[in-house]
């Protein structure tokens, strides 16, 4: 099975099957596998860490199959998660939040 099939994507668009991963970027939100949109600021820390790992895996394994703009969007989403994690860490150190 392809990556797309393993992850529930239907990429058939005619004669050829697009097996490259697709990623939709929307600032401030993460879309779950079942299609729910979650504000990043409300995500569990471990969920964010797993999302970062998943996105990094996509880049490592499929970079040559992903369009340049999509690579930039994936990198931007990773940075967005890392920024939120950094914000939480600073809040925790100040005693104003949880990590």
Protein backbone atom coordinates (compact mmCIF):
# COMPACT_ATOMS: atom_id res chain seq x y z
CA UNK A 1 0.00 0.00 0.00
CA UNK A 2 1.05 3.58 -0.57
CA UNK A 3 1.48 6.20 2.15
CA UNK A 4 -1.76 7.85 1.00
CA UNK A 5 -3.73 4.60 1.21
CA UNK A 6 -2.25 3.77 4.62
CA UNK A 7 -3.40 7.14 5.91
CA UNK A 8 -6.89 7.13 4.41
CA UNK A 9 -6.34 9.46 1.47
CA UNK A 10 -8.15 8.87 -1.81
CA UNK A 11 -5.84 10.41 -4.40
CA UNK A 12 -7.30 8.91 -7.57
CA UNK A 13 -7.68 11.59 -10.21
CA UNK A 14 -7.92 9.83 -13.53
CA UNK A 15 -5.47 7.40 -15.06
CA UNK A 16 -2.72 7.76 -12.48
CA UNK A 17 -2.85 7.44 -8.73
CA UNK A 18 -1.11 10.22 -6.83
CA UNK A 19 0.75 8.48 -4.01
CA UNK A 20 2.49 11.53 -2.60
CA UNK A 21 1.35 12.81 0.80
CA UNK A 22 -0.79 15.93 0.83
CA UNK A 23 -0.93 18.51 3.55
CA UNK A 24 -3.27 21.49 3.90
CA UNK A 25 -1.79 24.40 5.83
CA UNK A 26 -4.01 26.59 7.98
CA UNK A 27 -2.35 28.85 10.53
CA UNK A 28 -3.36 28.20 14.12
CA UNK A 29 -5.13 24.90 13.48
CA UNK A 30 -4.40 21.22 13.08
CA UNK A 31 -6.70 18.91 11.17
CA UNK A 32 -6.95 15.45 12.68
CA UNK A 33 -7.10 12.22 10.72
CA UNK A 34 -10.89 12.17 11.14
CA UNK A 35 -11.23 15.73 9.78
CA UNK A 36 -11.67 17.68 13.03
CA UNK A 37 -9.97 21.09 13.19
CA UNK A 38 -8.29 21.74 16.53
CA UNK A 39 -6.80 25.09 17.57
CA UNK A 40 -3.12 24.41 18.20
CA UNK A 41 -3.23 26.34 21.46
CA UNK A 42 -5.79 23.79 22.77
CA UNK A 43 -3.88 20.68 21.72
CA UNK A 44 -2.29 18.37 24.25
CA UNK A 45 1.49 18.75 24.37
CA UNK A 46 2.09 15.09 23.53
CA UNK A 47 -0.28 15.35 20.57
CA UNK A 48 1.78 18.28 19.26
CA UNK A 49 5.02 16.36 19.72
CA UNK A 50 3.56 13.40 17.81
CA UNK A 51 2.39 15.72 15.02
CA UNK A 52 5.90 17.17 14.73
CA UNK A 53 7.36 13.65 14.51
CA UNK A 54 4.79 12.70 11.85
CA UNK A 55 5.49 15.82 9.76
CA UNK A 56 9.25 15.32 10.05
CA UNK A 57 8.81 11.70 8.93
CA UNK A 58 6.85 12.86 5.88
CA UNK A 59 9.62 15.29 4.96
CA UNK A 60 12.33 12.68 5.48
CA UNK A 61 10.61 9.93 3.51
CA UNK A 62 8.73 11.82 0.79
CA UNK A 63 10.59 15.11 0.21
CA UNK A 64 11.36 14.19 -3.40
CA UNK A 65 7.64 13.52 -4.07
CA UNK A 66 6.25 16.67 -2.42
CA UNK A 67 5.81 19.97 -4.22
CA UNK A 68 8.07 22.79 -3.00
CA UNK A 69 5.16 24.89 -1.69
CA UNK A 70 3.91 21.93 0.36
CA UNK A 71 7.36 21.42 1.86
CA UNK A 72 7.35 25.06 2.96
CA UNK A 73 3.88 24.62 4.48
CA UNK A 74 4.93 21.51 6.39
CA UNK A 75 8.04 23.28 7.68
CA UNK A 76 5.86 26.25 8.71
CA UNK A 77 3.50 23.95 10.62
CA UNK A 78 6.42 22.33 12.44
CA UNK A 79 7.66 25.79 13.38
CA UNK A 80 4.17 26.75 14.55
CA UNK A 81 4.05 23.71 16.84
CA UNK A 82 7.56 24.44 18.14
CA UNK A 83 6.61 28.06 18.86
CA UNK A 84 3.56 26.93 20.87
CA UNK A 85 5.68 24.45 22.80
CA UNK A 86 8.21 27.18 23.56
CA UNK A 87 5.40 29.48 24.72
CA UNK A 88 4.12 26.76 27.05
CA UNK A 89 7.59 26.12 28.42
CA UNK A 90 8.06 29.81 29.21
CA UNK A 91 4.64 29.97 30.88
CA UNK A 92 5.48 26.90 32.95
CA UNK A 93 8.77 28.41 34.09
CA UNK A 94 6.87 31.53 35.16
CA UNK A 95 4.35 29.36 36.99
CA UNK A 96 1.47 30.37 34.69
CA UNK A 97 0.74 27.27 32.70
CA UNK A 98 1.19 23.61 32.12
CA UNK A 99 3.38 21.80 29.65
